[in-house]
Amino acid sequence: MENKTGVILDRASLLASEFTSDELSRSMYAVHVTADGTAEATNGHYLIRVPPCAMPAEDFPAVVGMGTGFNGTGLLLPADACKAALKTTA
């Protein structure tokens, strides 16, 4: 898998946070974003997988200080951070 410089998370990807566990003690209180931008979330009973945004991240300018991108394994975004970001979008 090739390394990406970044991914674009659209509203649908952030909405995956609605499918995470409500129990903070569980490790399923995050949205997994794969290197290709697919968002995945589960609460232990069901799983949702949101395909990547159709807009390539390479079309957006680099932001100084934001790092070099993914290392090929993806990342975990806390569900509460996704929900907070949803409040800022229309």
Protein backbone atom coordinates (compact mmCIF):
# COMPACT_ATOMS: atom_id res chain seq x y z
CA MET A 1 0.00 0.00 0.00
CA GLU A 2 1.45 3.35 -1.01
CA ASN A 3 1.72 6.14 1.53
CA LYS A 4 -0.69 9.04 1.11
CA THR A 5 0.07 12.64 1.93
CA GLY A 6 -3.34 12.86 3.60
CA VAL A 7 -7.04 12.18 3.23
CA ILE A 8 -10.13 14.35 3.17
CA LEU A 9 -12.79 13.47 5.72
CA ASP A 10 -16.23 14.53 4.58
CA ARG A 11 -19.41 14.76 6.67
CA ALA A 12 -20.32 11.11 5.96
CA SER A 13 -16.94 9.96 7.30
CA LEU A 14 -17.37 12.01 10.48
CA LEU A 15 -20.89 10.61 10.94
CA ALA A 16 -19.31 7.20 11.47
CA SER A 17 -18.73 8.46 15.03
CA GLU A 18 -22.47 7.92 15.66
CA PHE A 19 -21.81 4.17 15.44
CA THR A 20 -19.12 4.03 18.14
CA SER A 21 -19.67 2.76 21.67
CA ASP A 22 -21.04 5.20 24.26
CA GLU A 23 -18.93 3.58 26.98
CA LEU A 24 -15.69 5.51 27.38
CA SER A 25 -14.08 2.47 29.03
CA ARG A 26 -14.36 0.50 25.78
CA SER A 27 -11.70 0.70 23.11
CA MET A 28 -14.39 1.18 20.44
CA TYR A 29 -14.85 4.89 21.15
CA ALA A 30 -13.00 6.01 18.02
CA VAL A 31 -13.29 6.12 14.26
CA HIS A 32 -10.58 4.23 12.39
CA VAL A 33 -9.45 6.03 9.25
CA THR A 34 -7.47 3.86 6.88
CA ALA A 35 -4.67 5.17 4.69
CA ASP A 36 -7.03 5.43 1.71
CA GLY A 37 -9.54 7.52 3.70
CA THR A 38 -12.11 4.82 4.51
CA ALA A 39 -13.76 5.54 7.89
CA GLU A 40 -14.72 2.55 10.05
CA ALA A 41 -16.55 2.44 13.39
CA THR A 42 -18.16 -0.18 15.60
CA ASN A 43 -19.86 -0.47 18.96
CA GLY A 44 -19.28 -4.20 19.18
CA HIS A 45 -22.67 -5.11 17.75
CA TYR A 46 -22.54 -3.52 14.32
CA LEU A 47 -19.89 -2.06 12.05
CA ILE A 48 -20.07 0.77 9.54
CA ARG A 49 -17.56 1.38 6.77
CA VAL A 50 -17.74 4.70 4.88
CA PRO A 51 -15.83 4.81 1.57
CA PRO A 52 -13.30 7.60 1.06
CA CYS A 53 -14.30 11.03 -0.17
CA ALA A 54 -14.20 11.31 -3.97
CA MET A 55 -12.00 14.41 -3.69
CA PRO A 56 -8.27 13.53 -3.63
CA ALA A 57 -6.30 15.03 -0.76
CA GLU A 58 -3.54 15.96 -3.18
CA ASP A 59 -5.87 18.66 -4.60
CA PHE A 60 -5.64 20.60 -1.33
CA PRO A 61 -2.63 22.67 -0.26
CA ALA A 62 -0.25 21.32 2.34
CA VAL A 63 -0.56 22.90 5.78
CA VAL A 64 2.73 23.67 7.51
CA GLY A 65 3.08 21.80 10.80
CA MET A 66 0.46 19.15 10.01
CA GLY A 67 2.95 16.31 9.59
CA THR A 68 3.84 14.16 6.63
CA GLY A 69 0.70 12.04 6.34
CA PHE A 70 -0.13 8.43 6.96
CA ASN A 71 2.40 5.68 7.50
CA GLY A 72 0.22 3.12 5.74
CA THR A 73 -1.70 1.90 8.79
CA GLY A 74 -4.26 4.69 9.26
CA LEU A 75 -5.20 6.36 12.50
CA LEU A 76 -7.84 6.46 15.24
CA LEU A 77 -9.89 9.63 15.70
CA PRO A 78 -11.71 9.96 19.05
CA ALA A 79 -15.47 9.89 18.49
CA ASP A 80 -15.96 13.07 20.51
CA ALA A 81 -13.53 14.94 18.23
CA CYS A 82 -15.51 13.75 15.16
CA LYS A 83 -18.79 14.84 16.79
CA ALA A 84 -17.30 18.25 17.62
CA ALA A 85 -16.15 18.66 14.02
CA LEU A 86 -19.67 17.79 12.82
CA LYS A 87 -21.05 20.69 14.86
CA THR A 88 -18.86 23.10 12.89
CA THR A 89 -20.10 21.89 9.49
CA ALA A 90 -23.36 22.79 7.81
